[in-house]
Amino acid sequence: MKNVFKSIGHIKERCVYLKKKLLILGICIGVVFMIGAKMTKTAGANTIPDVIKPSVVLAYVPKGAVLYDNIDGNAVNLIYSGQRVEILKDRSGEWYFVKYKNKKGWVKRAALEIPKEAPVNTSVLADKVITDYANSNLLSDTEHFVWVDIDRQRIYVLKGENGNRTIEKRIVCATGKNETPTVRGTFKTGDKGEWFYTERLKSGAKYWVRFDGSYLFHSVAMDKDKNITDNVLGEKRSSGCVRMSVEDAKWFYENIEEGTSVWIY
């Protein structure tokens, strides 16, 4: 009889032990699922949807080229014939800052074959796609965030707090031609002015807002007397700046605060 009670006691101890093991296992599995779900959510937030296309300009190098560390600087690498390089920006259409494999540097214009502009994507990007991606990934120190969609030649102005912004305005624009591309990346708006004119380019514009060096948001192109010389929007048209109608440029100038984040893609 004692052996029977002893066996029963042993079974109870084993049951308690197994329950503890199962409880610990259940907690571990739950933690794993929570971590996995969080990682999946984070990965999804950082993934750019397929409908948002990068506007990379690739130039062909038919006879090879020298990659320089600066304009008229030192040679740092050779680009073999038949390769392609990504154009990041130009300097007066004579030198180009390019990315070749994992290296960046300057290449002379004569070494490159730059393709013509591809047709503009005419599909409309849904509000939810814009707000979902912006609120998951894009931050700004002001109440506005500016997204330039080169693929569609559109500017999306979002307003609100980080993570909870809505679209305030969609603007048709004209970014840089492939020969003079608009720089891509993340920037911040800087100083601004109501008018400028460049003698070298024989062109000016109203309501400019700087976002990177000589790259500006501004109105359509004008002559020195402020007459519009090119009012075409909705296609790659400029020397690198982002053009808008006079009305939209004025609104942008008056409403977008200095230090607003800008994403150009």
C-alpha atoms as a PDB file:
ATOM      1  CA  MET A   1       0.000   0.000   0.000  1.00  0.00           C
ATOM      2  CA  LYS A   2       2.854   2.305   0.869  1.00  0.00           C
ATOM      3  CA  ASN A   3       4.315   1.665  -2.544  1.00  0.00           C
ATOM      4  CA  VAL A   4       0.990   2.599  -4.145  1.00  0.00           C
ATOM      5  CA  PHE A   5       0.875   5.956  -2.282  1.00  0.00           C
ATOM      6  CA  LYS A   6       4.494   6.525  -3.119  1.00  0.00           C
ATOM      7  CA  SER A   7       3.795   5.913  -6.810  1.00  0.00           C
ATOM      8  CA  ILE A   8       0.804   8.256  -6.715  1.00  0.00           C
ATOM      9  CA  GLY A   9       2.932  10.937  -5.053  1.00  0.00           C
ATOM     10  CA  HIS A  10       5.605  10.478  -7.660  1.00  0.00           C
ATOM     11  CA  ILE A  11       3.029  10.827 -10.439  1.00  0.00           C
ATOM     12  CA  LYS A  12       1.718  14.057  -8.866  1.00  0.00           C
ATOM     13  CA  GLU A  13       5.227  15.466  -8.669  1.00  0.00           C
ATOM     14  CA  ARG A  14       5.799  14.584 -12.332  1.00  0.00           C
ATOM     15  CA  CYS A  15       2.521  16.235 -13.294  1.00  0.00           C
ATOM     16  CA  VAL A  16       3.456  19.434 -11.459  1.00  0.00           C
ATOM     17  CA  TYR A  17       6.906  19.340 -13.093  1.00  0.00           C
ATOM     18  CA  LEU A  18       5.413  18.841 -16.553  1.00  0.00           C
ATOM     19  CA  LYS A  19       2.910  21.663 -16.011  1.00  0.00           C
ATOM     20  CA  LYS A  20       5.757  24.013 -15.115  1.00  0.00           C
ATOM     21  CA  LYS A  21       7.718  22.917 -18.188  1.00  0.00           C
ATOM     22  CA  LEU A  22       4.687  23.413 -20.435  1.00  0.00           C
ATOM     23  CA  LEU A  23       4.038  26.833 -18.894  1.00  0.00           C
ATOM     24  CA  ILE A  24       7.639  27.905 -19.492  1.00  0.00           C
ATOM     25  CA  LEU A  25       7.504  26.490 -23.042  1.00  0.00           C
ATOM     26  CA  GLY A  26       4.265  28.347 -23.702  1.00  0.00           C
ATOM     27  CA  ILE A  27       5.764  31.608 -22.475  1.00  0.00           C
ATOM     28  CA  CYS A  28       8.846  31.087 -24.664  1.00  0.00           C
ATOM     29  CA  ILE A  29       6.719  30.370 -27.735  1.00  0.00           C
ATOM     30  CA  GLY A  30       4.627  33.472 -27.026  1.00  0.00           C
ATOM     31  CA  VAL A  31       7.733  35.646 -26.730  1.00  0.00           C
ATOM     32  CA  VAL A  32       9.106  34.242 -29.987  1.00  0.00           C
ATOM     33  CA  PHE A  33       5.847  35.004 -31.792  1.00  0.00           C
ATOM     34  CA  MET A  34       5.759  38.549 -30.358  1.00  0.00           C
ATOM     35  CA  ILE A  35       9.344  39.215 -31.448  1.00  0.00           C
ATOM     36  CA  GLY A  36       8.644  37.736 -34.865  1.00  0.00           C
ATOM     37  CA  ALA A  37       5.517  39.834 -35.296  1.00  0.00           C
ATOM     38  CA  LYS A  38       7.408  42.972 -34.274  1.00  0.00           C
ATOM     39  CA  MET A  39      10.233  42.192 -36.690  1.00  0.00           C
ATOM     40  CA  THR A  40       7.740  41.533 -39.476  1.00  0.00           C
ATOM     41  CA  LYS A  41       5.963  44.798 -38.768  1.00  0.00           C
ATOM     42  CA  THR A  42       9.249  46.718 -38.736  1.00  0.00           C
ATOM     43  CA  ALA A  43      10.452  45.072 -41.943  1.00  0.00           C
ATOM     44  CA  GLY A  44       7.141  45.843 -43.602  1.00  0.00           C
ATOM     45  CA  ALA A  45       7.327  49.470 -42.511  1.00  0.00           C
ATOM     46  CA  ASN A  46      10.790  49.876 -44.020  1.00  0.00           C
ATOM     47  CA  THR A  47       9.914  48.175 -47.280  1.00  0.00           C
ATOM     48  CA  ILE A  48       9.088  50.559 -50.105  1.00  0.00           C
ATOM     49  CA  PRO A  49       5.890  49.420 -51.868  1.00  0.00           C
ATOM     50  CA  ASP A  50       6.284  48.215 -55.450  1.00  0.00           C
ATOM     51  CA  VAL A  51       4.146  51.093 -56.740  1.00  0.00           C
ATOM     52  CA  ILE A  52       6.785  53.588 -55.533  1.00  0.00           C
ATOM     53  CA  LYS A  53       9.538  53.446 -58.154  1.00  0.00           C
ATOM     54  CA  PRO A  54      13.065  54.836 -57.722  1.00  0.00           C
ATOM     55  CA  SER A  55      13.988  57.357 -60.415  1.00  0.00           C
ATOM     56  CA  VAL A  56      17.591  56.331 -61.002  1.00  0.00           C
ATOM     57  CA  VAL A  57      19.400  57.707 -64.060  1.00  0.00           C
ATOM     58  CA  LEU A  58      21.843  55.148 -65.473  1.00  0.00           C
ATOM     59  CA  ALA A  59      24.427  56.279 -68.020  1.00  0.00           C
ATOM     60  CA  TYR A  60      26.361  53.985 -70.344  1.00  0.00           C
ATOM     61  CA  VAL A  61      30.164  54.150 -70.496  1.00  0.00           C
ATOM     62  CA  PRO A  62      31.043  52.910 -74.012  1.00  0.00           C
ATOM     63  CA  LYS A  63      34.823  53.382 -73.973  1.00  0.00           C
ATOM     64  CA  GLY A  64      35.684  53.371 -70.306  1.00  0.00           C
ATOM     65  CA  ALA A  65      36.311  56.368 -68.073  1.00  0.00           C
ATOM     66  CA  VAL A  66      38.404  57.710 -65.227  1.00  0.00           C
ATOM     67  CA  LEU A  67      36.702  58.262 -61.878  1.00  0.00           C
ATOM     68  CA  TYR A  68      38.052  61.364 -60.092  1.00  0.00           C
ATOM     69  CA  ASP A  69      37.808  62.327 -56.427  1.00  0.00           C
ATOM     70  CA  ASN A  70      36.872  65.851 -57.459  1.00  0.00           C
ATOM     71  CA  ILE A  71      36.444  67.989 -60.541  1.00  0.00           C
ATOM     72  CA  ASP A  72      39.908  68.136 -62.149  1.00  0.00           C
ATOM     73  CA  GLY A  73      41.101  66.195 -59.114  1.00  0.00           C
ATOM     74  CA  ASN A  74      42.967  62.909 -58.680  1.00  0.00           C
ATOM     75  CA  ALA A  75      42.047  59.669 -60.424  1.00  0.00           C
ATOM     76  CA  VAL A  76      40.708  57.147 -57.900  1.00  0.00           C
ATOM     77  CA  ASN A  77      39.379  54.370 -60.117  1.00  0.00           C
ATOM     78  CA  LEU A  78      38.827  53.174 -63.672  1.00  0.00           C
ATOM     79  CA  ILE A  79      35.431  52.386 -65.152  1.00  0.00           C
ATOM     80  CA  TYR A  80      35.711  49.650 -67.765  1.00  0.00           C
ATOM     81  CA  SER A  81      34.061  49.977 -71.155  1.00  0.00           C
ATOM     82  CA  GLY A  82      30.522  48.686 -71.413  1.00  0.00           C
ATOM     83  CA  GLN A  83      29.656  49.504 -67.784  1.00  0.00           C
ATOM     84  CA  ARG A  84      26.777  51.589 -66.466  1.00  0.00           C
ATOM     85  CA  VAL A  85      26.961  54.208 -63.727  1.00  0.00           C
ATOM     86  CA  GLU A  86      24.273  55.906 -61.692  1.00  0.00           C
ATOM     87  CA  ILE A  87      24.223  59.681 -62.164  1.00  0.00           C
ATOM     88  CA  LEU A  88      23.811  61.429 -58.827  1.00  0.00           C
ATOM     89  CA  LYS A  89      24.199  65.049 -59.965  1.00  0.00           C
ATOM     90  CA  ASP A  90      25.913  67.209 -62.561  1.00  0.00           C
ATOM     91  CA  ARG A  91      28.113  70.279 -62.551  1.00  0.00           C
ATOM     92  CA  SER A  92      27.211  72.595 -65.429  1.00  0.00           C
ATOM     93  CA  GLY A  93      26.625  69.596 -67.701  1.00  0.00           C
ATOM     94  CA  GLU A  94      30.403  69.120 -67.988  1.00  0.00           C
ATOM     95  CA  TRP A  95      31.138  66.900 -64.991  1.00  0.00           C
ATOM     96  CA  TYR A  96      28.955  64.250 -63.381  1.00  0.00           C
ATOM     97  CA  PHE A  97      29.045  62.861 -59.870  1.00  0.00           C
ATOM     98  CA  VAL A  98      28.313  59.157 -60.300  1.00  0.00           C
ATOM     99  CA  LYS A  99      28.097  55.911 -58.392  1.00  0.00           C
ATOM    100  CA  TYR A 100      30.018  52.972 -59.850  1.00  0.00           C
ATOM    101  CA  LYS A 101      29.596  49.722 -57.937  1.00  0.00           C
ATOM    102  CA  ASN A 102      30.435  50.771 -54.362  1.00  0.00           C
ATOM    103  CA  LYS A 103      32.457  53.863 -55.295  1.00  0.00           C
ATOM    104  CA  LYS A 104      31.467  57.465 -55.969  1.00  0.00           C
ATOM    105  CA  GLY A 105      33.340  60.102 -57.919  1.00  0.00           C
ATOM    106  CA  TRP A 106      33.367  62.556 -60.799  1.00  0.00           C
ATOM    107  CA  VAL A 107      33.388  61.647 -64.488  1.00  0.00           C
ATOM    108  CA  LYS A 108      33.740  63.870 -67.540  1.00  0.00           C
ATOM    109  CA  ARG A 109      30.631  64.311 -69.672  1.00  0.00           C
ATOM    110  CA  ALA A 110      32.362  63.077 -72.828  1.00  0.00           C
ATOM    111  CA  ALA A 111      32.712  59.603 -71.311  1.00  0.00           C
ATOM    112  CA  LEU A 112      28.981  59.110 -70.782  1.00  0.00           C
ATOM    113  CA  GLU A 113      25.989  58.235 -72.919  1.00  0.00           C
ATOM    114  CA  ILE A 114      22.986  59.579 -71.032  1.00  0.00           C
ATOM    115  CA  PRO A 115      19.588  58.168 -72.057  1.00  0.00           C
ATOM    116  CA  LYS A 116      16.556  60.226 -72.980  1.00  0.00           C
ATOM    117  CA  GLU A 117      13.836  60.687 -70.391  1.00  0.00           C
ATOM    118  CA  ALA A 118      11.454  57.756 -70.008  1.00  0.00           C
ATOM    119  CA  PRO A 119       7.686  58.401 -70.128  1.00  0.00           C
ATOM    120  CA  VAL A 120       6.231  59.694 -66.877  1.00  0.00           C
ATOM    121  CA  ASN A 121       4.237  57.256 -64.777  1.00  0.00           C
ATOM    122  CA  THR A 122       0.642  58.450 -65.135  1.00  0.00           C
ATOM    123  CA  SER A 123      -0.854  56.152 -62.481  1.00  0.00           C
ATOM    124  CA  VAL A 124      -2.095  58.014 -59.418  1.00  0.00           C
ATOM    125  CA  LEU A 125      -0.548  56.976 -56.121  1.00  0.00           C
ATOM    126  CA  ALA A 126      -3.329  56.235 -53.629  1.00  0.00           C
ATOM    127  CA  ASP A 127      -3.640  58.431 -50.545  1.00  0.00           C
ATOM    128  CA  LYS A 128      -3.347  55.393 -48.258  1.00  0.00           C
ATOM    129  CA  VAL A 129      -0.071  54.293 -49.865  1.00  0.00           C
ATOM    130  CA  ILE A 130       1.372  57.779 -49.369  1.00  0.00           C
ATOM    131  CA  THR A 131       0.225  58.216 -45.783  1.00  0.00           C
ATOM    132  CA  ASP A 132       1.008  54.639 -44.690  1.00  0.00           C
ATOM    133  CA  TYR A 133       4.561  54.796 -45.986  1.00  0.00           C
ATOM    134  CA  ALA A 134       5.185  58.365 -44.840  1.00  0.00           C
ATOM    135  CA  ASN A 135       3.848  57.767 -41.332  1.00  0.00           C
ATOM    136  CA  SER A 136       5.917  54.603 -40.952  1.00  0.00           C
ATOM    137  CA  ASN A 137       9.209  55.935 -42.303  1.00  0.00           C
ATOM    138  CA  LEU A 138       9.405  59.700 -42.809  1.00  0.00           C
ATOM    139  CA  LEU A 139      10.138  62.163 -40.014  1.00  0.00           C
ATOM    140  CA  SER A 140      10.250  65.964 -39.944  1.00  0.00           C
ATOM    141  CA  ASP A 141      11.043  68.608 -37.330  1.00  0.00           C
ATOM    142  CA  THR A 142       8.149  70.771 -38.537  1.00  0.00           C
ATOM    143  CA  GLU A 143       4.460  70.076 -39.034  1.00  0.00           C
ATOM    144  CA  HIS A 144       5.066  69.461 -42.756  1.00  0.00           C
ATOM    145  CA  PHE A 145       6.845  66.790 -44.750  1.00  0.00           C
ATOM    146  CA  VAL A 146       7.543  67.107 -48.497  1.00  0.00           C
ATOM    147  CA  TRP A 147       7.807  64.048 -50.733  1.00  0.00           C
ATOM    148  CA  VAL A 148       8.886  64.516 -54.366  1.00  0.00           C
ATOM    149  CA  ASP A 149       7.826  61.591 -56.557  1.00  0.00           C
ATOM    150  CA  ILE A 150      10.066  61.926 -59.635  1.00  0.00           C
ATOM    151  CA  ASP A 151       8.493  58.881 -61.278  1.00  0.00           C
ATOM    152  CA  ARG A 152       5.090  60.604 -61.363  1.00  0.00           C
ATOM    153  CA  GLN A 153       6.307  64.224 -61.364  1.00  0.00           C
ATOM    154  CA  ARG A 154       4.295  64.988 -58.261  1.00  0.00           C
ATOM    155  CA  ILE A 155       4.940  66.624 -54.901  1.00  0.00           C
ATOM    156  CA  TYR A 156       3.018  65.315 -51.902  1.00  0.00           C
ATOM    157  CA  VAL A 157       2.850  67.747 -48.989  1.00  0.00           C
ATOM    158  CA  LEU A 158       1.904  66.034 -45.731  1.00  0.00           C
ATOM    159  CA  LYS A 159       0.865  67.855 -42.568  1.00  0.00           C
ATOM    160  CA  GLY A 160       0.541  66.831 -38.937  1.00  0.00           C
ATOM    161  CA  GLU A 161       2.643  65.099 -36.315  1.00  0.00           C
ATOM    162  CA  ASN A 162       5.206  62.421 -37.079  1.00  0.00           C
ATOM    163  CA  GLY A 163       3.398  59.128 -37.525  1.00  0.00           C
ATOM    164  CA  ASN A 164       0.025  60.822 -37.954  1.00  0.00           C
ATOM    165  CA  ARG A 165       0.274  62.998 -41.048  1.00  0.00           C
ATOM    166  CA  THR A 166      -2.354  63.484 -43.740  1.00  0.00           C
ATOM    167  CA  ILE A 167      -2.004  64.783 -47.282  1.00  0.00           C
ATOM    168  CA  GLU A 168      -2.505  68.535 -47.390  1.00  0.00           C
ATOM    169  CA  LYS A 169      -1.664  69.125 -51.039  1.00  0.00           C
ATOM    170  CA  ARG A 170      -0.664  67.349 -54.256  1.00  0.00           C
ATOM    171  CA  ILE A 171       1.351  69.469 -56.677  1.00  0.00           C
ATOM    172  CA  VAL A 172       2.244  68.776 -60.317  1.00  0.00           C
ATOM    173  CA  CYS A 173       5.937  69.536 -60.797  1.00  0.00           C
ATOM    174  CA  ALA A 174       8.815  69.335 -63.275  1.00  0.00           C
ATOM    175  CA  THR A 175      12.102  67.882 -62.039  1.00  0.00           C
ATOM    176  CA  GLY A 176      15.506  67.725 -63.718  1.00  0.00           C
ATOM    177  CA  LYS A 177      16.173  66.189 -67.115  1.00  0.00           C
ATOM    178  CA  ASN A 178      18.433  63.132 -67.238  1.00  0.00           C
ATOM    179  CA  GLU A 179      21.250  65.415 -68.397  1.00  0.00           C
ATOM    180  CA  THR A 180      20.684  67.584 -65.315  1.00  0.00           C
ATOM    181  CA  PRO A 181      18.939  65.332 -62.788  1.00  0.00           C
ATOM    182  CA  THR A 182      17.345  66.385 -59.536  1.00  0.00           C
ATOM    183  CA  VAL A 183      19.323  65.003 -56.610  1.00  0.00           C
ATOM    184  CA  ARG A 184      17.666  62.111 -54.799  1.00  0.00           C
ATOM    185  CA  GLY A 185      17.705  61.537 -51.059  1.00  0.00           C
ATOM    186  CA  THR A 186      16.577  63.210 -47.840  1.00  0.00           C
ATOM    187  CA  PHE A 187      17.113  66.937 -47.308  1.00  0.00           C
ATOM    188  CA  LYS A 188      15.773  69.898 -45.336  1.00  0.00           C
ATOM    189  CA  THR A 189      14.400  73.169 -46.618  1.00  0.00           C
ATOM    190  CA  GLY A 190      16.606  76.189 -46.032  1.00  0.00           C
ATOM    191  CA  ASP A 191      16.486  79.849 -46.958  1.00  0.00           C
ATOM    192  CA  LYS A 192      13.949  81.263 -49.412  1.00  0.00           C
ATOM    193  CA  GLY A 193      13.220  84.304 -51.564  1.00  0.00           C
ATOM    194  CA  GLU A 194      10.612  85.817 -53.847  1.00  0.00           C
ATOM    195  CA  TRP A 195      12.768  86.079 -56.984  1.00  0.00           C
ATOM    196  CA  PHE A 196      16.082  85.058 -58.551  1.00  0.00           C
ATOM    197  CA  TYR A 197      17.673  85.279 -61.971  1.00  0.00           C
ATOM    198  CA  THR A 198      20.770  83.420 -63.183  1.00  0.00           C
ATOM    199  CA  GLU A 199      22.680  85.143 -65.961  1.00  0.00           C
ATOM    200  CA  ARG A 200      24.606  81.978 -66.800  1.00  0.00           C
ATOM    201  CA  LEU A 201      21.398  80.049 -67.489  1.00  0.00           C
ATOM    202  CA  LYS A 202      19.497  83.110 -68.731  1.00  0.00           C
ATOM    203  CA  SER A 203      16.633  81.991 -66.542  1.00  0.00           C
ATOM    204  CA  GLY A 204      14.907  82.928 -63.312  1.00  0.00           C
ATOM    205  CA  ALA A 205      11.879  82.057 -61.203  1.00  0.00           C
ATOM    206  CA  LYS A 206       9.603  83.270 -58.429  1.00  0.00           C
ATOM    207  CA  TYR A 207       9.138  81.962 -54.894  1.00  0.00           C
ATOM    208  CA  TRP A 208      12.223  79.811 -54.417  1.00  0.00           C
ATOM    209  CA  VAL A 209      12.946  77.556 -51.442  1.00  0.00           C
ATOM    210  CA  ARG A 210      16.366  75.924 -51.117  1.00  0.00           C
ATOM    211  CA  PHE A 211      16.700  72.230 -50.217  1.00  0.00           C
ATOM    212  CA  ASP A 212      20.287  71.322 -51.200  1.00  0.00           C
ATOM    213  CA  GLY A 213      22.952  73.790 -52.302  1.00  0.00           C
ATOM    214  CA  SER A 214      21.897  75.233 -55.648  1.00  0.00           C
ATOM    215  CA  TYR A 215      18.872  72.915 -55.851  1.00  0.00           C
ATOM    216  CA  LEU A 216      15.617  74.773 -55.248  1.00  0.00           C
ATOM    217  CA  PHE A 217      11.856  74.493 -55.312  1.00  0.00           C
ATOM    218  CA  HIS A 218      10.508  77.368 -57.401  1.00  0.00           C
ATOM    219  CA  SER A 219       8.022  78.479 -60.042  1.00  0.00           C
ATOM    220  CA  VAL A 220       8.156  77.731 -63.755  1.00  0.00           C
ATOM    221  CA  ALA A 221      11.039  79.327 -65.657  1.00  0.00           C
ATOM    222  CA  MET A 222      11.036  83.059 -66.467  1.00  0.00           C
ATOM    223  CA  ASP A 223      13.194  85.604 -68.256  1.00  0.00           C
ATOM    224  CA  LYS A 224      14.798  88.598 -66.544  1.00  0.00           C
ATOM    225  CA  ASP A 225      11.572  90.590 -66.988  1.00  0.00           C
ATOM    226  CA  LYS A 226       9.589  87.876 -65.168  1.00  0.00           C
ATOM    227  CA  ASN A 227       7.865  86.632 -68.277  1.00  0.00           C
ATOM    228  CA  ILE A 228       7.241  82.873 -68.286  1.00  0.00           C
ATOM    229  CA  THR A 229       9.500  81.140 -70.797  1.00  0.00           C
ATOM    230  CA  ASP A 230       8.597  77.518 -70.070  1.00  0.00           C
ATOM    231  CA  ASN A 231       5.364  76.573 -68.316  1.00  0.00           C
ATOM    232  CA  VAL A 232       5.488  72.820 -68.997  1.00  0.00           C
ATOM    233  CA  LEU A 233       4.914  70.698 -65.909  1.00  0.00           C
ATOM    234  CA  GLY A 234       4.426  66.976 -65.385  1.00  0.00           C
ATOM    235  CA  GLU A 235       7.676  65.896 -67.042  1.00  0.00           C
ATOM    236  CA  LYS A 236      11.436  66.050 -66.511  1.00  0.00           C
ATOM    237  CA  ARG A 237      12.187  69.525 -67.746  1.00  0.00           C
ATOM    238  CA  SER A 238      14.488  71.529 -65.480  1.00  0.00           C
ATOM    239  CA  SER A 239      18.213  71.914 -64.867  1.00  0.00           C
ATOM    240  CA  GLY A 240      17.833  70.086 -61.553  1.00  0.00           C
ATOM    241  CA  CYS A 241      15.464  72.256 -59.547  1.00  0.00           C
ATOM    242  CA  VAL A 242      11.857  71.301 -58.831  1.00  0.00           C
ATOM    243  CA  ARG A 243       9.448  73.573 -60.705  1.00  0.00           C
ATOM    244  CA  MET A 244       5.802  74.307 -59.913  1.00  0.00           C
ATOM    245  CA  SER A 245       3.139  76.624 -61.232  1.00  0.00           C
ATOM    246  CA  VAL A 246       3.435  80.193 -59.966  1.00  0.00           C
ATOM    247  CA  GLU A 247       0.361  79.675 -57.772  1.00  0.00           C
ATOM    248  CA  ASP A 248       1.681  76.436 -56.232  1.00  0.00           C
ATOM    249  CA  ALA A 249       5.176  77.874 -55.796  1.00  0.00           C
ATOM    250  CA  LYS A 250       3.713  80.838 -53.912  1.00  0.00           C
ATOM    251  CA  TRP A 251       1.715  78.499 -51.652  1.00  0.00           C
ATOM    252  CA  PHE A 252       4.823  76.367 -51.042  1.00  0.00           C
ATOM    253  CA  TYR A 253       6.915  79.472 -50.284  1.00  0.00           C
ATOM    254  CA  GLU A 254       4.347  80.802 -47.804  1.00  0.00           C
ATOM    255  CA  ASN A 255       3.487  77.541 -46.020  1.00  0.00           C
ATOM    256  CA  ILE A 256       6.544  75.275 -45.865  1.00  0.00           C
ATOM    257  CA  GLU A 257       8.648  76.082 -42.805  1.00  0.00           C
ATOM    258  CA  GLU A 258      12.457  76.238 -42.828  1.00  0.00           C
ATOM    259  CA  GLY A 259      13.864  72.932 -41.633  1.00  0.00           C
ATOM    260  CA  THR A 260      11.079  70.847 -43.157  1.00  0.00           C
ATOM    261  CA  SER A 261      12.237  67.406 -44.250  1.00  0.00           C
ATOM    262  CA  VAL A 262      12.175  66.631 -47.965  1.00  0.00           C
ATOM    263  CA  TRP A 263      12.337  63.145 -49.479  1.00  0.00           C
ATOM    264  CA  ILE A 264      13.101  62.960 -53.211  1.00  0.00           C
ATOM    265  CA  TYR A 265      12.810  59.530 -54.764  1.00  0.00           C
END
